[in-house]
All heavy atoms as atom14 arrays in JSON, in Angstrom:
{
  "sequence": "DGWDIPDADVVCRQLRCGHAVRAHGNATFGRGQGPILR",
  "atom14_mask": [
    [1, 1, 1, 1, 1, 1, 1, 1, 0, 0, 0, 0, 0, 0],
    [1, 1, 1, 1, 0, 0, 0, 0, 0, 0, 0, 0, 0, 0],
    [1, 1, 1, 1, 1, 1, 1, 1, 1, 1, 1, 1, 1, 1],
    [1, 1, 1, 1, 1, 1, 1, 1, 0, 0, 0, 0, 0, 0],
    [1, 1, 1, 1, 1, 1, 1, 1, 0, 0, 0, 0, 0, 0],
    [1, 1, 1, 1, 1, 1, 1, 0, 0, 0, 0, 0, 0, 0],
    [1, 1, 1, 1, 1, 1, 1, 1, 0, 0, 0, 0, 0, 0],
    [1, 1, 1, 1, 1, 0, 0, 0, 0, 0, 0, 0, 0, 0],
    [1, 1, 1, 1, 1, 1, 1, 1, 0, 0, 0, 0, 0, 0],
    [1, 1, 1, 1, 1, 1, 1, 0, 0, 0, 0, 0, 0, 0],
    [1, 1, 1, 1, 1, 1, 1, 0, 0, 0, 0, 0, 0, 0],
    [1, 1, 1, 1, 1, 1, 0, 0, 0, 0, 0, 0, 0, 0],
    [1, 1, 1, 1, 1, 1, 1, 1, 1, 1, 1, 0, 0, 0],
    [1, 1, 1, 1, 1, 1, 1, 1, 1, 0, 0, 0, 0, 0],
    [1, 1, 1, 1, 1, 1, 1, 1, 0, 0, 0, 0, 0, 0],
    [1, 1, 1, 1, 1, 1, 1, 1, 1, 1, 1, 0, 0, 0],
    [1, 1, 1, 1, 1, 1, 0, 0, 0, 0, 0, 0, 0, 0],
    [1, 1, 1, 1, 0, 0, 0, 0, 0, 0, 0, 0, 0, 0],
    [1, 1, 1, 1, 1, 1, 1, 1, 1, 1, 0, 0, 0, 0],
    [1, 1, 1, 1, 1, 0, 0, 0, 0, 0, 0, 0, 0, 0],
    [1, 1, 1, 1, 1, 1, 1, 0, 0, 0, 0, 0, 0, 0],
    [1, 1, 1, 1, 1, 1, 1, 1, 1, 1, 1, 0, 0, 0],
    [1, 1, 1, 1, 1, 0, 0, 0, 0, 0, 0, 0, 0, 0],
    [1, 1, 1, 1, 1, 1, 1, 1, 1, 1, 0, 0, 0, 0],
    [1, 1, 1, 1, 0, 0, 0, 0, 0, 0, 0, 0, 0, 0],
    [1, 1, 1, 1, 1, 1, 1, 1, 0, 0, 0, 0, 0, 0],
    [1, 1, 1, 1, 1, 0, 0, 0, 0, 0, 0, 0, 0, 0],
    [1, 1, 1, 1, 1, 1, 1, 0, 0, 0, 0, 0, 0, 0],
    [1, 1, 1, 1, 1, 1, 1, 1, 1, 1, 1, 0, 0, 0],
    [1, 1, 1, 1, 0, 0, 0, 0, 0, 0, 0, 0, 0, 0],
    [1, 1, 1, 1, 1, 1, 1, 1, 1, 1, 1, 0, 0, 0],
    [1, 1, 1, 1, 0, 0, 0, 0, 0, 0, 0, 0, 0, 0],
    [1, 1, 1, 1, 1, 1, 1, 1, 1, 0, 0, 0, 0, 0],
    [1, 1, 1, 1, 0, 0, 0, 0, 0, 0, 0, 0, 0, 0],
    [1, 1, 1, 1, 1, 1, 1, 0, 0, 0, 0, 0, 0, 0],
    [1, 1, 1, 1, 1, 1, 1, 1, 0, 0, 0, 0, 0, 0],
    [1, 1, 1, 1, 1, 1, 1, 1, 0, 0, 0, 0, 0, 0],
    [1, 1, 1, 1, 1, 1, 1, 1, 1, 1, 1, 0, 0, 0]
  ],
  "atom14_positions": [
    [[2.0, 12.78, -28.92], [1.82, 13.75, -30.01], [1.95, 13.02, -31.35], [2.98, 12.42, -31.64], [2.89, 14.85, -29.94], [2.73, 15.73, -28.71], [1.63, 15.72, -28.11], [3.7, 16.42, -28.34], [0.0, 0.0, 0.0], [0.0, 0.0, 0.0], [0.0, 0.0, 0.0], [0.0, 0.0, 0.0], [0.0, 0.0, 0.0], [0.0, 0.0, 0.0]],
    [[0.9, 13.06, -32.15], [0.92, 12.41, -33.45], [0.81, 10.89, -33.41], [0.94, 10.23, -34.43], [0.0, 0.0, 0.0], [0.0, 0.0, 0.0], [0.0, 0.0, 0.0], [0.0, 0.0, 0.0], [0.0, 0.0, 0.0], [0.0, 0.0, 0.0], [0.0, 0.0, 0.0], [0.0, 0.0, 0.0], [0.0, 0.0, 0.0], [0.0, 0.0, 0.0]],
    [[0.56, 10.32, -32.23], [0.49, 8.85, -32.08], [-0.8, 8.33, -32.7], [-1.89, 8.79, -32.35], [0.54, 8.48, -30.6], [0.62, 7.01, -30.34], [-0.37, 6.21, -29.88], [1.77, 6.18, -30.53], [0.08, 4.92, -29.76], [1.4, 4.87, -30.16], [3.07, 6.41, -30.98], [2.28, 3.8, -30.22], [3.95, 5.33, -31.04], [3.55, 4.05, -30.66]],
    [[-0.69, 7.38, -33.64], [-1.89, 6.89, -34.33], [-1.74, 5.41, -34.68], [-0.76, 4.77, -34.31], [-2.18, 7.74, -35.57], [-1.01, 7.78, -36.54], [-0.07, 6.96, -36.4], [-1.02, 8.63, -37.45], [0.0, 0.0, 0.0], [0.0, 0.0, 0.0], [0.0, 0.0, 0.0], [0.0, 0.0, 0.0], [0.0, 0.0, 0.0], [0.0, 0.0, 0.0]],
    [[-2.73, 4.88, -35.38], [-2.78, 3.44, -35.67], [-1.55, 2.93, -36.44], [-1.01, 1.87, -36.09], [-4.11, 3.06, -36.39], [-5.29, 3.12, -35.39], [-4.03, 1.67, -37.02], [-5.34, 1.99, -34.37], [0.0, 0.0, 0.0], [0.0, 0.0, 0.0], [0.0, 0.0, 0.0], [0.0, 0.0, 0.0], [0.0, 0.0, 0.0], [0.0, 0.0, 0.0]],
    [[-1.04, 3.62, -37.47], [0.18, 3.11, -38.12], [1.36, 2.96, -37.16], [2.13, 1.99, -37.25], [0.47, 4.15, -39.21], [-0.87, 4.75, -39.51], [-1.6, 4.78, -38.21], [0.0, 0.0, 0.0], [0.0, 0.0, 0.0], [0.0, 0.0, 0.0], [0.0, 0.0, 0.0], [0.0, 0.0, 0.0], [0.0, 0.0, 0.0], [0.0, 0.0, 0.0]],
    [[1.51, 3.9, -36.22], [2.57, 3.79, -35.2], [2.32, 2.56, -34.33], [3.23, 1.77, -34.06], [2.6, 5.03, -34.3], [2.76, 6.33, -35.09], [3.49, 6.32, -36.09], [2.15, 7.33, -34.69], [0.0, 0.0, 0.0], [0.0, 0.0, 0.0], [0.0, 0.0, 0.0], [0.0, 0.0, 0.0], [0.0, 0.0, 0.0], [0.0, 0.0, 0.0]],
    [[1.08, 2.41, -33.88], [0.72, 1.28, -33.0], [0.88, -0.05, -33.73], [1.27, -1.06, -33.14], [-0.71, 1.46, -32.49], [0.0, 0.0, 0.0], [0.0, 0.0, 0.0], [0.0, 0.0, 0.0], [0.0, 0.0, 0.0], [0.0, 0.0, 0.0], [0.0, 0.0, 0.0], [0.0, 0.0, 0.0], [0.0, 0.0, 0.0], [0.0, 0.0, 0.0]],
    [[0.57, -0.07, -35.05], [0.73, -1.29, -35.85], [2.17, -1.81, -35.81], [2.41, -3.01, -35.7], [0.36, -1.01, -37.32], [-1.07, -1.41, -37.64], [-1.62, -2.28, -36.93], [-1.63, -0.86, -38.61], [0.0, 0.0, 0.0], [0.0, 0.0, 0.0], [0.0, 0.0, 0.0], [0.0, 0.0, 0.0], [0.0, 0.0, 0.0], [0.0, 0.0, 0.0]],
    [[3.12, -0.88, -35.91], [4.54, -1.27, -35.89], [4.89, -1.9, -34.54], [5.57, -2.93, -34.48], [5.44, -0.06, -36.2], [6.92, -0.41, -36.03], [5.17, 0.45, -37.62], [0.0, 0.0, 0.0], [0.0, 0.0, 0.0], [0.0, 0.0, 0.0], [0.0, 0.0, 0.0], [0.0, 0.0, 0.0], [0.0, 0.0, 0.0], [0.0, 0.0, 0.0]],
    [[4.4, -1.3, -33.46], [4.65, -1.85, -32.13], [4.07, -3.26, -32.01], [4.75, -4.19, -31.56], [4.04, -0.93, -31.04], [4.06, -1.6, -29.68], [4.78, 0.41, -31.01], [0.0, 0.0, 0.0], [0.0, 0.0, 0.0], [0.0, 0.0, 0.0], [0.0, 0.0, 0.0], [0.0, 0.0, 0.0], [0.0, 0.0, 0.0], [0.0, 0.0, 0.0]],
    [[2.82, -3.44, -32.44], [2.17, -4.75, -32.33], [2.92, -5.8, -33.16], [3.14, -6.92, -32.7], [0.71, -4.66, -32.78], [-0.34, -3.69, -31.66], [0.0, 0.0, 0.0], [0.0, 0.0, 0.0], [0.0, 0.0, 0.0], [0.0, 0.0, 0.0], [0.0, 0.0, 0.0], [0.0, 0.0, 0.0], [0.0, 0.0, 0.0], [0.0, 0.0, 0.0]],
    [[3.32, -5.43, -34.36], [4.03, -6.39, -35.22], [5.38, -6.75, -34.6], [5.77, -7.92, -34.57], [4.22, -5.81, -36.61], [4.82, -6.84, -37.59], [5.08, -6.3, -38.97], [3.94, -5.62, -39.53], [3.92, -4.3, -39.8], [4.98, -3.54, -39.56], [2.85, -3.75, -40.31], [0.0, 0.0, 0.0], [0.0, 0.0, 0.0], [0.0, 0.0, 0.0]],
    [[6.08, -5.74, -34.1], [7.4, -5.98, -33.5], [7.31, -6.94, -32.31], [8.2, -7.76, -32.09], [8.0, -4.64, -33.07], [9.47, -4.7, -32.71], [10.02, -3.31, -32.36], [9.42, -2.29, -32.69], [11.15, -3.28, -31.68], [0.0, 0.0, 0.0], [0.0, 0.0, 0.0], [0.0, 0.0, 0.0], [0.0, 0.0, 0.0], [0.0, 0.0, 0.0]],
    [[6.22, -6.87, -31.56], [6.04, -7.73, -30.39], [5.33, -9.04, -30.71], [4.98, -9.8, -29.82], [5.24, -6.96, -29.32], [5.97, -5.77, -28.69], [5.03, -4.99, -27.79], [7.19, -6.21, -27.92], [0.0, 0.0, 0.0], [0.0, 0.0, 0.0], [0.0, 0.0, 0.0], [0.0, 0.0, 0.0], [0.0, 0.0, 0.0], [0.0, 0.0, 0.0]],
    [[5.09, -9.28, -32.01], [4.34, -10.47, -32.47], [2.97, -10.54, -31.81], [2.54, -11.59, -31.33], [5.14, -11.76, -32.19], [6.42, -11.84, -32.99], [7.02, -13.24, -32.95], [8.15, -13.36, -33.85], [9.41, -13.06, -33.52], [9.68, -12.61, -32.32], [10.38, -13.22, -34.4], [0.0, 0.0, 0.0], [0.0, 0.0, 0.0], [0.0, 0.0, 0.0]],
    [[2.3, -9.4, -31.78], [0.97, -9.31, -31.18], [-0.1, -8.98, -32.22], [-1.17, -8.45, -31.89], [0.96, -8.23, -30.09], [1.79, -8.74, -28.56], [0.0, 0.0, 0.0], [0.0, 0.0, 0.0], [0.0, 0.0, 0.0], [0.0, 0.0, 0.0], [0.0, 0.0, 0.0], [0.0, 0.0, 0.0], [0.0, 0.0, 0.0], [0.0, 0.0, 0.0]],
    [[0.18, -9.29, -33.5], [-0.82, -9.03, -34.53], [-0.78, -7.57, -34.98], [0.28, -6.98, -35.13], [0.0, 0.0, 0.0], [0.0, 0.0, 0.0], [0.0, 0.0, 0.0], [0.0, 0.0, 0.0], [0.0, 0.0, 0.0], [0.0, 0.0, 0.0], [0.0, 0.0, 0.0], [0.0, 0.0, 0.0], [0.0, 0.0, 0.0], [0.0, 0.0, 0.0]],
    [[-1.97, -7.0, -35.18], [-2.07, -5.6, -35.61], [-2.75, -4.77, -34.51], [-3.29, -5.33, -33.56], [-2.85, -5.49, -36.93], [-4.26, -5.96, -36.81], [-4.64, -7.26, -37.05], [-5.4, -5.3, -36.44], [-5.95, -7.38, -36.84], [-6.44, -6.21, -36.47], [0.0, 0.0, 0.0], [0.0, 0.0, 0.0], [0.0, 0.0, 0.0], [0.0, 0.0, 0.0]],
    [[-2.69, -3.46, -34.67], [-3.26, -2.57, -33.65], [-4.77, -2.47, -33.81], [-5.27, -2.31, -34.92], [-2.63, -1.19, -33.76], [0.0, 0.0, 0.0], [0.0, 0.0, 0.0], [0.0, 0.0, 0.0], [0.0, 0.0, 0.0], [0.0, 0.0, 0.0], [0.0, 0.0, 0.0], [0.0, 0.0, 0.0], [0.0, 0.0, 0.0], [0.0, 0.0, 0.0]],
    [[-5.51, -2.58, -32.71], [-6.94, -2.29, -32.74], [-7.25, -0.96, -32.06], [-8.29, -0.37, -32.32], [-7.79, -3.43, -32.12], [-7.71, -4.68, -32.97], [-7.39, -3.76, -30.7], [0.0, 0.0, 0.0], [0.0, 0.0, 0.0], [0.0, 0.0, 0.0], [0.0, 0.0, 0.0], [0.0, 0.0, 0.0], [0.0, 0.0, 0.0], [0.0, 0.0, 0.0]],
    [[-6.34, -0.48, -31.22], [-6.51, 0.85, -30.62], [-5.14, 1.49, -30.4], [-4.18, 0.8, -30.06], [-7.22, 0.77, -29.26], [-8.64, 0.23, -29.34], [-9.35, 0.29, -27.99], [-10.5, -0.59, -27.98], [-10.78, -1.47, -27.02], [-9.99, -1.58, -25.97], [-11.85, -2.23, -27.09], [0.0, 0.0, 0.0], [0.0, 0.0, 0.0], [0.0, 0.0, 0.0]],
    [[-5.09, 2.79, -30.6], [-3.89, 3.57, -30.29], [-4.3, 4.65, -29.31], [-5.08, 5.54, -29.66], [-3.31, 4.2, -31.56], [0.0, 0.0, 0.0], [0.0, 0.0, 0.0], [0.0, 0.0, 0.0], [0.0, 0.0, 0.0], [0.0, 0.0, 0.0], [0.0, 0.0, 0.0], [0.0, 0.0, 0.0], [0.0, 0.0, 0.0], [0.0, 0.0, 0.0]],
    [[-3.85, 4.57, -28.07], [-4.28, 5.48, -27.02], [-3.18, 6.48, -26.66], [-2.0, 6.18, -26.78], [-4.62, 4.72, -25.73], [-5.86, 3.89, -25.81], [-7.09, 4.43, -26.05], [-6.04, 2.55, -25.66], [-8.0, 3.45, -26.05], [-7.38, 2.3, -25.82], [0.0, 0.0, 0.0], [0.0, 0.0, 0.0], [0.0, 0.0, 0.0], [0.0, 0.0, 0.0]],
    [[-3.59, 7.64, -26.19], [-2.68, 8.61, -25.59], [-3.09, 8.88, -24.16], [-3.84, 8.1, -23.55], [0.0, 0.0, 0.0], [0.0, 0.0, 0.0], [0.0, 0.0, 0.0], [0.0, 0.0, 0.0], [0.0, 0.0, 0.0], [0.0, 0.0, 0.0], [0.0, 0.0, 0.0], [0.0, 0.0, 0.0], [0.0, 0.0, 0.0], [0.0, 0.0, 0.0]],
    [[-2.61, 9.99, -23.61], [-3.04, 10.46, -22.29], [-2.84, 9.43, -21.18], [-3.68, 9.31, -20.28], [-4.5, 10.92, -22.31], [-4.72, 12.06, -23.29], [-3.83, 12.88, -23.48], [-5.87, 12.09, -23.93], [0.0, 0.0, 0.0], [0.0, 0.0, 0.0], [0.0, 0.0, 0.0], [0.0, 0.0, 0.0], [0.0, 0.0, 0.0], [0.0, 0.0, 0.0]],
    [[-1.76, 8.66, -21.28], [-1.41, 7.7, -20.21], [-2.57, 6.8, -19.82], [-2.86, 6.59, -18.65], [-0.87, 8.45, -18.98], [0.0, 0.0, 0.0], [0.0, 0.0, 0.0], [0.0, 0.0, 0.0], [0.0, 0.0, 0.0], [0.0, 0.0, 0.0], [0.0, 0.0, 0.0], [0.0, 0.0, 0.0], [0.0, 0.0, 0.0], [0.0, 0.0, 0.0]],
    [[-3.25, 6.24, -20.85], [-4.39, 5.35, -20.62], [-4.06, 4.2, -19.68], [-4.88, 3.78, -18.88], [-4.89, 4.79, -21.98], [-5.3, 5.89, -22.79], [-6.05, 3.83, -21.8], [0.0, 0.0, 0.0], [0.0, 0.0, 0.0], [0.0, 0.0, 0.0], [0.0, 0.0, 0.0], [0.0, 0.0, 0.0], [0.0, 0.0, 0.0], [0.0, 0.0, 0.0]],
    [[-2.84, 3.67, -19.77], [-2.43, 2.54, -18.91], [-1.49, 3.0, -17.8], [-0.65, 2.23, -17.33], [-1.79, 1.44, -19.77], [-2.77, 0.76, -20.68], [-2.9, 1.15, -22.01], [-3.62, -0.24, -20.21], [-3.82, 0.55, -22.86], [-4.54, -0.85, -21.04], [-4.65, -0.46, -22.37], [0.0, 0.0, 0.0], [0.0, 0.0, 0.0], [0.0, 0.0, 0.0]],
    [[-1.66, 4.25, -17.39], [-0.84, 4.77, -16.29], [0.39, 5.5, -16.79], [0.81, 5.34, -17.94], [0.0, 0.0, 0.0], [0.0, 0.0, 0.0], [0.0, 0.0, 0.0], [0.0, 0.0, 0.0], [0.0, 0.0, 0.0], [0.0, 0.0, 0.0], [0.0, 0.0, 0.0], [0.0, 0.0, 0.0], [0.0, 0.0, 0.0], [0.0, 0.0, 0.0]],
    [[0.94, 6.33, -15.94], [2.12, 7.11, -16.3], [3.38, 6.28, -16.1], [3.54, 5.6, -15.1], [2.2, 8.37, -15.42], [1.03, 9.3, -15.63], [1.15, 10.54, -14.77], [-0.06, 11.37, -14.91], [-0.12, 12.65, -14.59], [0.94, 13.25, -14.09], [-1.24, 13.32, -14.75], [0.0, 0.0, 0.0], [0.0, 0.0, 0.0], [0.0, 0.0, 0.0]],
    [[4.28, 6.39, -17.08], [5.53, 5.66, -17.01], [6.57, 6.39, -16.18], [6.33, 7.45, -15.61], [0.0, 0.0, 0.0], [0.0, 0.0, 0.0], [0.0, 0.0, 0.0], [0.0, 0.0, 0.0], [0.0, 0.0, 0.0], [0.0, 0.0, 0.0], [0.0, 0.0, 0.0], [0.0, 0.0, 0.0], [0.0, 0.0, 0.0], [0.0, 0.0, 0.0]],
    [[7.76, 5.78, -16.13], [8.91, 6.34, -15.42], [10.01, 6.6, -16.43], [9.95, 6.14, -17.56], [9.42, 5.34, -14.38], [8.36, 4.85, -13.41], [8.07, 5.86, -12.33], [8.97, 6.47, -11.8], [6.8, 6.03, -12.02], [0.0, 0.0, 0.0], [0.0, 0.0, 0.0], [0.0, 0.0, 0.0], [0.0, 0.0, 0.0], [0.0, 0.0, 0.0]],
    [[11.04, 7.3, -15.99], [12.23, 7.45, -16.82], [12.05, 8.49, -17.91], [11.09, 9.25, -17.93], [0.0, 0.0, 0.0], [0.0, 0.0, 0.0], [0.0, 0.0, 0.0], [0.0, 0.0, 0.0], [0.0, 0.0, 0.0], [0.0, 0.0, 0.0], [0.0, 0.0, 0.0], [0.0, 0.0, 0.0], [0.0, 0.0, 0.0], [0.0, 0.0, 0.0]],
    [[13.0, 8.51, -18.87], [12.97, 9.53, -19.91], [11.85, 9.3, -20.93], [11.37, 8.18, -21.08], [14.34, 9.37, -20.58], [14.72, 7.94, -20.34], [14.14, 7.59, -19.0], [0.0, 0.0, 0.0], [0.0, 0.0, 0.0], [0.0, 0.0, 0.0], [0.0, 0.0, 0.0], [0.0, 0.0, 0.0], [0.0, 0.0, 0.0], [0.0, 0.0, 0.0]],
    [[11.46, 10.37, -21.6], [10.55, 10.25, -22.74], [11.44, 10.24, -23.98], [12.12, 11.22, -24.28], [9.54, 11.42, -22.75], [8.63, 11.3, -21.52], [8.72, 11.41, -24.04], [7.78, 12.52, -21.23], [0.0, 0.0, 0.0], [0.0, 0.0, 0.0], [0.0, 0.0, 0.0], [0.0, 0.0, 0.0], [0.0, 0.0, 0.0], [0.0, 0.0, 0.0]],
    [[11.47, 9.09, -24.66], [12.51, 8.83, -25.67], [12.1, 9.19, -27.1], [12.95, 9.31, -27.97], [12.92, 7.35, -25.62], [13.57, 6.91, -24.31], [13.76, 5.4, -24.28], [14.9, 7.62, -24.1], [0.0, 0.0, 0.0], [0.0, 0.0, 0.0], [0.0, 0.0, 0.0], [0.0, 0.0, 0.0], [0.0, 0.0, 0.0], [0.0, 0.0, 0.0]],
    [[10.8, 9.34, -27.36], [10.34, 9.65, -28.71], [9.16, 10.6, -28.63], [8.31, 10.47, -27.74], [9.88, 8.4, -29.45], [10.93, 7.36, -29.75], [11.76, 7.74, -30.96], [12.65, 6.68, -31.4], [13.76, 6.3, -30.77], [14.11, 6.87, -29.64], [14.53, 5.35, -31.28], [0.0, 0.0, 0.0], [0.0, 0.0, 0.0], [0.0, 0.0, 0.0]]
  ]
}
């Protein structure tokens, strides 16, 4: 909900992976486990 490129940019920078080129929802890379934290 509300997930977009500025959010993804922070993730990419934090992981030293450059900047975001795509921000996906709907479990594009499969459904995770555990709690939903944010």
